Amino acid sequence: MNILMIFGCICGGLGCPLILLILLILLLTLLSPAVLWRFVQGRKSSRKAVLLLGLCDAGKTLLFARLLSGRYRDTQTSITDSSAAYRLSQDKSTSVTLIDLPGHESLRLQFLERFKAAARAIVFVVDSVAFQREVKDVAEFLYQVLVDSTVLRNAPALLIACNKQDVTMAKSAKLIQQQLEKELNTLRVTRSAAPTSLDGSATGGPAQLGKKGKDFDFSQLPMKVEFVECSARGSKGEEGEADLEALQKWLVKVA
């Protein structure tokens, strides 16, 4: 005899349909947290994409190629997306879909709009050598990503991959983090940005990046943000191995 039949017998004996209704409400109340948890976990597990974002020439496409094949290849500025399954374990039982998105200013938001809802995680690639002169452009793009309504709602894990560390003049991950926090703080002060979709449709009031009344830092965001240093090219150029160990460990962790 199931629970509803038992409730029916109790209520029938008491001659009070209202009791059945009350008991059903109590049952649904007890079950709802578990149902909600399964729903949230199901939505997260359905997001299998890891998006590679960044400005032009940050090294996204070479990083994409290195992760998939381990080999160096000549690349050029992308005008469309590239995707492939990336195996995360030796037994190949776990994988994510890596998606390399164009970094050109006229294309990057258009392609992010297309794939953002599927993002389990985001790798934002920074050119550590050109960072000092590109910091405002890097912060601008990152800001647009962070105030997007879908990104705020889904809160995918975010990695800032400080690429090209094989070059002597490369800036450290610590310095890049400090400079980005400073620039993002300036942007949120000078803008009243709504949590809009990247297509420009408003979905509510102004987005508050970080905590009101406090200088911005990445720990204030709804998603976990980490920084790593890496080199898709490698210290010996085409002949050498890439330094992607920290990135690969992060991918395993967020899968």
C-alpha atoms as a PDB file:
ATOM      1  CA  MET A   1       0.000   0.000   0.000  1.00  0.00           C
ATOM      2  CA  ASN A   2       1.505   3.326  -0.978  1.00  0.00           C
ATOM      3  CA  ILE A   3       1.615   6.515   1.077  1.00  0.00           C
ATOM      4  CA  LEU A   4      -1.307   8.157  -0.706  1.00  0.00           C
ATOM      5  CA  MET A   5      -3.546   5.106  -0.070  1.00  0.00           C
ATOM      6  CA  ILE A   6      -2.610   5.163   3.616  1.00  0.00           C
ATOM      7  CA  PHE A   7      -3.419   8.860   3.777  1.00  0.00           C
ATOM      8  CA  GLY A   8      -6.708   8.136   1.997  1.00  0.00           C
ATOM      9  CA  CYS A   9      -7.649   5.498   4.558  1.00  0.00           C
ATOM     10  CA  ILE A  10      -6.825   7.804   7.456  1.00  0.00           C
ATOM     11  CA  CYS A  11      -8.765  10.670   5.968  1.00  0.00           C
ATOM     12  CA  GLY A  12     -11.673   8.440   4.972  1.00  0.00           C
ATOM     13  CA  GLY A  13     -11.917   7.108   8.500  1.00  0.00           C
ATOM     14  CA  LEU A  14     -11.915  10.605   9.881  1.00  0.00           C
ATOM     15  CA  GLY A  15     -14.294  11.794   7.185  1.00  0.00           C
ATOM     16  CA  CYS A  16     -12.175  14.861   6.500  1.00  0.00           C
ATOM     17  CA  PRO A  17     -10.737  15.483   2.988  1.00  0.00           C
ATOM     18  CA  LEU A  18      -8.986  18.557   4.362  1.00  0.00           C
ATOM     19  CA  ILE A  19      -6.606  16.334   6.337  1.00  0.00           C
ATOM     20  CA  LEU A  20      -5.555  14.575   3.143  1.00  0.00           C
ATOM     21  CA  LEU A  21      -4.767  17.924   1.561  1.00  0.00           C
ATOM     22  CA  ILE A  22      -2.706  19.012   4.578  1.00  0.00           C
ATOM     23  CA  LEU A  23      -0.775  15.737   4.635  1.00  0.00           C
ATOM     24  CA  LEU A  24      -0.039  16.009   0.911  1.00  0.00           C
ATOM     25  CA  ILE A  25       1.269  19.532   1.358  1.00  0.00           C
ATOM     26  CA  LEU A  26       3.515  18.368   4.210  1.00  0.00           C
ATOM     27  CA  LEU A  27       4.809  15.487   2.071  1.00  0.00           C
ATOM     28  CA  LEU A  28       5.636  17.804  -0.831  1.00  0.00           C
ATOM     29  CA  THR A  29       7.348  20.211   1.545  1.00  0.00           C
ATOM     30  CA  LEU A  30       9.579  17.429   2.853  1.00  0.00           C
ATOM     31  CA  LEU A  31      10.421  16.219  -0.636  1.00  0.00           C
ATOM     32  CA  SER A  32      11.017  19.609  -2.260  1.00  0.00           C
ATOM     33  CA  PRO A  33      14.617  20.189  -1.036  1.00  0.00           C
ATOM     34  CA  ALA A  34      15.701  16.835  -2.481  1.00  0.00           C
ATOM     35  CA  VAL A  35      13.832  17.467  -5.712  1.00  0.00           C
ATOM     36  CA  LEU A  36      15.316  20.955  -5.976  1.00  0.00           C
ATOM     37  CA  TRP A  37      18.834  19.595  -5.340  1.00  0.00           C
ATOM     38  CA  ARG A  38      18.443  16.982  -8.079  1.00  0.00           C
ATOM     39  CA  PHE A  39      17.137  19.664 -10.424  1.00  0.00           C
ATOM     40  CA  VAL A  40      20.089  21.990  -9.766  1.00  0.00           C
ATOM     41  CA  GLN A  41      22.623  19.177 -10.079  1.00  0.00           C
ATOM     42  CA  GLY A  42      20.943  18.002 -13.265  1.00  0.00           C
ATOM     43  CA  ARG A  43      21.204  21.452 -14.801  1.00  0.00           C
ATOM     44  CA  LYS A  44      24.882  21.683 -13.858  1.00  0.00           C
ATOM     45  CA  SER A  45      25.705  18.223 -15.200  1.00  0.00           C
ATOM     46  CA  SER A  46      24.005  19.108 -18.486  1.00  0.00           C
ATOM     47  CA  ARG A  47      26.500  21.948 -18.990  1.00  0.00           C
ATOM     48  CA  LYS A  48      29.574  20.234 -20.408  1.00  0.00           C
ATOM     49  CA  ALA A  49      31.299  23.059 -22.280  1.00  0.00           C
ATOM     50  CA  VAL A  50      34.520  24.795 -21.276  1.00  0.00           C
ATOM     51  CA  LEU A  51      34.752  28.087 -23.154  1.00  0.00           C
ATOM     52  CA  LEU A  52      38.120  29.572 -24.107  1.00  0.00           C
ATOM     53  CA  LEU A  53      37.790  33.360 -24.126  1.00  0.00           C
ATOM     54  CA  GLY A  54      40.204  36.254 -24.509  1.00  0.00           C
ATOM     55  CA  LEU A  55      41.413  38.999 -26.814  1.00  0.00           C
ATOM     56  CA  CYS A  56      42.970  38.365 -30.206  1.00  0.00           C
ATOM     57  CA  ASP A  57      46.504  36.931 -30.038  1.00  0.00           C
ATOM     58  CA  ALA A  58      46.167  35.843 -26.411  1.00  0.00           C
ATOM     59  CA  GLY A  59      47.060  32.306 -27.502  1.00  0.00           C
ATOM     60  CA  LYS A  60      43.641  30.632 -27.174  1.00  0.00           C
ATOM     61  CA  THR A  61      43.802  28.614 -30.382  1.00  0.00           C
ATOM     62  CA  LEU A  62      47.302  27.267 -29.738  1.00  0.00           C
ATOM     63  CA  LEU A  63      46.274  26.424 -26.181  1.00  0.00           C
ATOM     64  CA  PHE A  64      43.211  24.625 -27.600  1.00  0.00           C
ATOM     65  CA  ALA A  65      45.432  22.631 -29.996  1.00  0.00           C
ATOM     66  CA  ARG A  66      47.981  21.784 -27.295  1.00  0.00           C
ATOM     67  CA  LEU A  67      45.322  20.472 -24.928  1.00  0.00           C
ATOM     68  CA  LEU A  68      43.858  18.230 -27.596  1.00  0.00           C
ATOM     69  CA  SER A  69      46.975  16.907 -29.324  1.00  0.00           C
ATOM     70  CA  GLY A  70      49.943  18.013 -27.233  1.00  0.00           C
ATOM     71  CA  ARG A  71      51.589  19.301 -30.410  1.00  0.00           C
ATOM     72  CA  TYR A  72      52.508  22.778 -31.573  1.00  0.00           C
ATOM     73  CA  ARG A  73      50.799  24.195 -34.637  1.00  0.00           C
ATOM     74  CA  ASP A  74      50.816  27.513 -36.419  1.00  0.00           C
ATOM     75  CA  THR A  75      47.603  29.446 -35.824  1.00  0.00           C
ATOM     76  CA  GLN A  76      45.865  32.504 -37.166  1.00  0.00           C
ATOM     77  CA  THR A  77      43.141  34.807 -35.898  1.00  0.00           C
ATOM     78  CA  SER A  78      39.911  32.813 -35.608  1.00  0.00           C
ATOM     79  CA  ILE A  79      36.710  34.044 -37.214  1.00  0.00           C
ATOM     80  CA  THR A  80      34.538  31.190 -35.993  1.00  0.00           C
ATOM     81  CA  ASP A  81      34.381  28.733 -33.098  1.00  0.00           C
ATOM     82  CA  SER A  82      36.199  25.407 -32.841  1.00  0.00           C
ATOM     83  CA  SER A  83      35.106  22.595 -30.550  1.00  0.00           C
ATOM     84  CA  ALA A  84      36.253  19.114 -29.605  1.00  0.00           C
ATOM     85  CA  ALA A  85      35.899  16.596 -26.792  1.00  0.00           C
ATOM     86  CA  TYR A  86      38.721  16.747 -24.253  1.00  0.00           C
ATOM     87  CA  ARG A  87      39.381  13.585 -22.226  1.00  0.00           C
ATOM     88  CA  LEU A  88      40.156  14.247 -18.582  1.00  0.00           C
ATOM     89  CA  SER A  89      41.239  10.813 -17.389  1.00  0.00           C
ATOM     90  CA  GLN A  90      43.366   7.914 -18.525  1.00  0.00           C
ATOM     91  CA  ASP A  91      40.362   5.629 -18.899  1.00  0.00           C
ATOM     92  CA  LYS A  92      38.661   8.308 -21.053  1.00  0.00           C
ATOM     93  CA  SER A  93      35.467   7.971 -19.019  1.00  0.00           C
ATOM     94  CA  THR A  94      35.254  11.694 -18.292  1.00  0.00           C
ATOM     95  CA  SER A  95      35.298  14.449 -20.868  1.00  0.00           C
ATOM     96  CA  VAL A  96      34.244  18.027 -21.469  1.00  0.00           C
ATOM     97  CA  THR A  97      33.732  19.924 -24.697  1.00  0.00           C
ATOM     98  CA  LEU A  98      36.387  22.560 -25.269  1.00  0.00           C
ATOM     99  CA  ILE A  99      35.126  25.483 -27.352  1.00  0.00           C
ATOM    100  CA  ASP A 100      37.596  28.049 -28.669  1.00  0.00           C
ATOM    101  CA  LEU A 101      35.761  31.321 -29.387  1.00  0.00           C
ATOM    102  CA  PRO A 102      37.003  34.169 -31.610  1.00  0.00           C
ATOM    103  CA  GLY A 103      38.677  37.036 -29.770  1.00  0.00           C
ATOM    104  CA  HIS A 104      38.075  39.758 -32.331  1.00  0.00           C
ATOM    105  CA  GLU A 105      36.126  42.675 -30.885  1.00  0.00           C
ATOM    106  CA  SER A 106      33.401  42.441 -33.545  1.00  0.00           C
ATOM    107  CA  LEU A 107      32.828  38.710 -32.994  1.00  0.00           C
ATOM    108  CA  ARG A 108      33.559  37.713 -29.405  1.00  0.00           C
ATOM    109  CA  LEU A 109      30.281  38.791 -27.774  1.00  0.00           C
ATOM    110  CA  GLN A 110      28.246  37.310 -30.608  1.00  0.00           C
ATOM    111  CA  PHE A 111      29.849  33.887 -30.128  1.00  0.00           C
ATOM    112  CA  LEU A 112      29.733  34.083 -26.349  1.00  0.00           C
ATOM    113  CA  GLU A 113      26.010  34.764 -26.566  1.00  0.00           C
ATOM    114  CA  ARG A 114      25.646  31.544 -28.537  1.00  0.00           C
ATOM    115  CA  PHE A 115      27.532  29.271 -26.119  1.00  0.00           C
ATOM    116  CA  LYS A 116      27.331  30.860 -22.664  1.00  0.00           C
ATOM    117  CA  ALA A 117      24.318  28.838 -21.479  1.00  0.00           C
ATOM    118  CA  ALA A 118      26.242  25.577 -22.032  1.00  0.00           C
ATOM    119  CA  ALA A 119      29.314  26.706 -20.082  1.00  0.00           C
ATOM    120  CA  ARG A 120      30.328  24.533 -17.168  1.00  0.00           C
ATOM    121  CA  ALA A 121      33.525  26.570 -16.893  1.00  0.00           C
ATOM    122  CA  ILE A 122      35.294  29.478 -18.576  1.00  0.00           C
ATOM    123  CA  VAL A 123      39.001  29.828 -19.285  1.00  0.00           C
ATOM    124  CA  PHE A 124      39.797  33.496 -19.883  1.00  0.00           C
ATOM    125  CA  VAL A 125      43.185  33.597 -21.608  1.00  0.00           C
ATOM    126  CA  VAL A 126      45.426  36.640 -21.060  1.00  0.00           C
ATOM    127  CA  ASP A 127      48.563  37.555 -23.000  1.00  0.00           C
ATOM    128  CA  SER A 128      50.958  38.066 -20.082  1.00  0.00           C
ATOM    129  CA  VAL A 129      53.491  39.840 -22.308  1.00  0.00           C
ATOM    130  CA  ALA A 130      51.108  42.400 -23.823  1.00  0.00           C
ATOM    131  CA  PHE A 131      49.024  42.719 -20.655  1.00  0.00           C
ATOM    132  CA  GLN A 132      50.345  46.105 -19.546  1.00  0.00           C
ATOM    133  CA  ARG A 133      49.225  47.828 -22.760  1.00  0.00           C
ATOM    134  CA  GLU A 134      46.044  45.754 -23.138  1.00  0.00           C
ATOM    135  CA  VAL A 135      44.835  45.840 -19.537  1.00  0.00           C
ATOM    136  CA  LYS A 136      41.891  48.166 -20.229  1.00  0.00           C
ATOM    137  CA  ASP A 137      40.675  46.062 -23.163  1.00  0.00           C
ATOM    138  CA  VAL A 138      41.112  42.837 -21.175  1.00  0.00           C
ATOM    139  CA  ALA A 139      39.174  44.287 -18.224  1.00  0.00           C
ATOM    140  CA  GLU A 140      36.443  45.601 -20.532  1.00  0.00           C
ATOM    141  CA  PHE A 141      35.806  42.178 -22.064  1.00  0.00           C
ATOM    142  CA  LEU A 142      35.994  40.408 -18.713  1.00  0.00           C
ATOM    143  CA  TYR A 143      33.572  42.949 -17.233  1.00  0.00           C
ATOM    144  CA  GLN A 144      31.065  42.264 -20.019  1.00  0.00           C
ATOM    145  CA  VAL A 145      31.275  38.553 -19.251  1.00  0.00           C
ATOM    146  CA  LEU A 146      30.918  38.963 -15.486  1.00  0.00           C
ATOM    147  CA  VAL A 147      27.794  41.172 -15.579  1.00  0.00           C
ATOM    148  CA  ASP A 148      25.978  38.969 -18.083  1.00  0.00           C
ATOM    149  CA  SER A 149      22.733  37.632 -16.607  1.00  0.00           C
ATOM    150  CA  THR A 150      23.283  34.019 -17.724  1.00  0.00           C
ATOM    151  CA  VAL A 151      26.831  33.941 -16.364  1.00  0.00           C
ATOM    152  CA  LEU A 152      25.648  35.433 -13.067  1.00  0.00           C
ATOM    153  CA  ARG A 153      22.856  32.878 -12.785  1.00  0.00           C
ATOM    154  CA  ASN A 154      24.877  29.769 -13.722  1.00  0.00           C
ATOM    155  CA  ALA A 155      28.123  30.914 -12.049  1.00  0.00           C
ATOM    156  CA  PRO A 156      30.499  28.690 -14.081  1.00  0.00           C
ATOM    157  CA  ALA A 157      33.976  28.202 -12.623  1.00  0.00           C
ATOM    158  CA  LEU A 158      36.350  30.835 -13.993  1.00  0.00           C
ATOM    159  CA  LEU A 159      40.066  30.467 -14.650  1.00  0.00           C
ATOM    160  CA  ILE A 160      42.260  33.383 -15.689  1.00  0.00           C
ATOM    161  CA  ALA A 161      45.034  31.673 -17.659  1.00  0.00           C
ATOM    162  CA  CYS A 162      48.073  33.966 -17.760  1.00  0.00           C
ATOM    163  CA  ASN A 163      49.615  32.692 -20.982  1.00  0.00           C
ATOM    164  CA  LYS A 164      53.041  33.176 -22.623  1.00  0.00           C
ATOM    165  CA  GLN A 165      54.967  32.791 -19.368  1.00  0.00           C
ATOM    166  CA  ASP A 166      57.899  31.444 -21.405  1.00  0.00           C
ATOM    167  CA  VAL A 167      58.689  35.045 -22.440  1.00  0.00           C
ATOM    168  CA  THR A 168      61.003  37.005 -20.134  1.00  0.00           C
ATOM    169  CA  MET A 169      58.799  40.115 -20.094  1.00  0.00           C
ATOM    170  CA  ALA A 170      55.646  38.230 -19.071  1.00  0.00           C
ATOM    171  CA  LYS A 171      53.745  39.635 -16.102  1.00  0.00           C
ATOM    172  CA  SER A 172      53.049  37.347 -13.163  1.00  0.00           C
ATOM    173  CA  ALA A 173      49.604  35.997 -12.341  1.00  0.00           C
ATOM    174  CA  LYS A 174      49.626  37.955  -9.077  1.00  0.00           C
ATOM    175  CA  LEU A 175      50.279  41.267 -10.820  1.00  0.00           C
ATOM    176  CA  ILE A 176      47.652  40.507 -13.480  1.00  0.00           C
ATOM    177  CA  GLN A 177      45.086  39.755 -10.781  1.00  0.00           C
ATOM    178  CA  GLN A 178      45.843  42.992  -8.937  1.00  0.00           C
ATOM    179  CA  GLN A 179      45.635  45.099 -12.098  1.00  0.00           C
ATOM    180  CA  LEU A 180      42.407  43.461 -13.254  1.00  0.00           C
ATOM    181  CA  GLU A 181      40.774  44.019  -9.865  1.00  0.00           C
ATOM    182  CA  LYS A 182      41.760  47.680 -10.035  1.00  0.00           C
ATOM    183  CA  GLU A 183      40.430  48.130 -13.581  1.00  0.00           C
ATOM    184  CA  LEU A 184      37.200  46.236 -12.869  1.00  0.00           C
ATOM    185  CA  ASN A 185      36.643  48.376  -9.802  1.00  0.00           C
ATOM    186  CA  THR A 186      36.999  51.499 -11.963  1.00  0.00           C
ATOM    187  CA  LEU A 187      34.574  50.100 -14.555  1.00  0.00           C
ATOM    188  CA  ARG A 188      31.863  49.313 -12.028  1.00  0.00           C
ATOM    189  CA  VAL A 189      32.132  52.814 -10.568  1.00  0.00           C
ATOM    190  CA  THR A 190      31.891  54.541 -13.942  1.00  0.00           C
ATOM    191  CA  ARG A 191      29.049  52.371 -15.284  1.00  0.00           C
ATOM    192  CA  SER A 192      25.568  51.532 -14.267  1.00  0.00           C
ATOM    193  CA  ALA A 193      25.466  48.160 -16.006  1.00  0.00           C
ATOM    194  CA  ALA A 194      22.315  46.051 -15.983  1.00  0.00           C
ATOM    195  CA  PRO A 195      22.600  42.230 -15.865  1.00  0.00           C
ATOM    196  CA  THR A 196      21.717  42.018 -19.549  1.00  0.00           C
ATOM    197  CA  SER A 197      22.134  39.322 -22.098  1.00  0.00           C
ATOM    198  CA  LEU A 198      24.954  39.934 -24.523  1.00  0.00           C
ATOM    199  CA  ASP A 199      22.342  40.676 -27.190  1.00  0.00           C
ATOM    200  CA  GLY A 200      21.468  43.779 -25.200  1.00  0.00           C
ATOM    201  CA  SER A 201      18.128  42.690 -23.744  1.00  0.00           C
ATOM    202  CA  ALA A 202      17.682  43.961 -20.215  1.00  0.00           C
ATOM    203  CA  THR A 203      16.596  41.528 -17.519  1.00  0.00           C
ATOM    204  CA  GLY A 204      16.483  43.663 -14.413  1.00  0.00           C
ATOM    205  CA  GLY A 205      18.075  46.436 -12.464  1.00  0.00           C
ATOM    206  CA  PRO A 206      21.733  47.423 -12.333  1.00  0.00           C
ATOM    207  CA  ALA A 207      24.260  44.624 -11.848  1.00  0.00           C
ATOM    208  CA  GLN A 208      26.483  45.116  -8.850  1.00  0.00           C
ATOM    209  CA  LEU A 209      29.893  43.672  -9.573  1.00  0.00           C
ATOM    210  CA  GLY A 210      31.247  42.664  -6.188  1.00  0.00           C
ATOM    211  CA  LYS A 211      30.109  44.146  -2.888  1.00  0.00           C
ATOM    212  CA  LYS A 212      28.725  47.638  -2.634  1.00  0.00           C
ATOM    213  CA  GLY A 213      30.938  50.012  -0.661  1.00  0.00           C
ATOM    214  CA  LYS A 214      34.034  47.821  -0.978  1.00  0.00           C
ATOM    215  CA  ASP A 215      36.834  47.804  -3.534  1.00  0.00           C
ATOM    216  CA  PHE A 216      36.308  44.975  -5.980  1.00  0.00           C
ATOM    217  CA  ASP A 217      38.145  41.688  -5.697  1.00  0.00           C
ATOM    218  CA  PHE A 218      37.437  38.363  -7.371  1.00  0.00           C
ATOM    219  CA  SER A 219      36.403  36.637  -4.139  1.00  0.00           C
ATOM    220  CA  GLN A 220      33.190  38.702  -4.199  1.00  0.00           C
ATOM    221  CA  LEU A 221      31.870  36.993  -7.342  1.00  0.00           C
ATOM    222  CA  PRO A 222      29.269  34.178  -7.253  1.00  0.00           C
ATOM    223  CA  MET A 223      31.627  31.822  -9.108  1.00  0.00           C
ATOM    224  CA  LYS A 224      35.012  30.589  -7.941  1.00  0.00           C
ATOM    225  CA  VAL A 225      37.856  32.402  -9.718  1.00  0.00           C
ATOM    226  CA  GLU A 226      41.417  31.115  -9.941  1.00  0.00           C
ATOM    227  CA  PHE A 227      44.587  32.345 -11.661  1.00  0.00           C
ATOM    228  CA  VAL A 228      47.303  30.157 -13.184  1.00  0.00           C
ATOM    229  CA  GLU A 229      50.468  30.800 -15.158  1.00  0.00           C
ATOM    230  CA  CYS A 230      50.902  28.787 -18.338  1.00  0.00           C
ATOM    231  CA  SER A 231      52.618  28.685 -21.702  1.00  0.00           C
ATOM    232  CA  ALA A 232      50.972  27.169 -24.764  1.00  0.00           C
ATOM    233  CA  ARG A 233      54.117  27.676 -26.814  1.00  0.00           C
ATOM    234  CA  GLY A 234      56.666  26.346 -24.308  1.00  0.00           C
ATOM    235  CA  SER A 235      60.143  27.540 -23.442  1.00  0.00           C
ATOM    236  CA  LYS A 236      61.657  25.874 -26.529  1.00  0.00           C
ATOM    237  CA  GLY A 237      59.056  27.123 -28.990  1.00  0.00           C
ATOM    238  CA  GLU A 238      57.773  24.689 -31.576  1.00  0.00           C
ATOM    239  CA  GLU A 239      60.081  21.891 -30.453  1.00  0.00           C
ATOM    240  CA  GLY A 240      59.352  22.159 -26.751  1.00  0.00           C
ATOM    241  CA  GLU A 241      56.499  20.985 -24.561  1.00  0.00           C
ATOM    242  CA  ALA A 242      53.800  23.381 -23.418  1.00  0.00           C
ATOM    243  CA  ASP A 243      53.532  24.285 -19.747  1.00  0.00           C
ATOM    244  CA  LEU A 244      49.850  23.552 -19.136  1.00  0.00           C
ATOM    245  CA  GLU A 245      49.971  21.367 -16.032  1.00  0.00           C
ATOM    246  CA  ALA A 246      48.144  23.849 -13.768  1.00  0.00           C
ATOM    247  CA  LEU A 247      45.437  24.358 -16.391  1.00  0.00           C
ATOM    248  CA  GLN A 248      44.994  20.629 -16.915  1.00  0.00           C
ATOM    249  CA  LYS A 249      44.635  20.025 -13.168  1.00  0.00           C
ATOM    250  CA  TRP A 250      42.011  22.759 -12.982  1.00  0.00           C
ATOM    251  CA  LEU A 251      40.034  21.179 -15.847  1.00  0.00           C
ATOM    252  CA  VAL A 252      39.956  17.852 -14.009  1.00  0.00           C
ATOM    253  CA  LYS A 253      38.775  19.612 -10.859  1.00  0.00           C
ATOM    254  CA  VAL A 254      35.858  21.452 -12.482  1.00  0.00           C
ATOM    255  CA  ALA A 255      34.676  18.580 -14.715  1.00  0.00           C
END
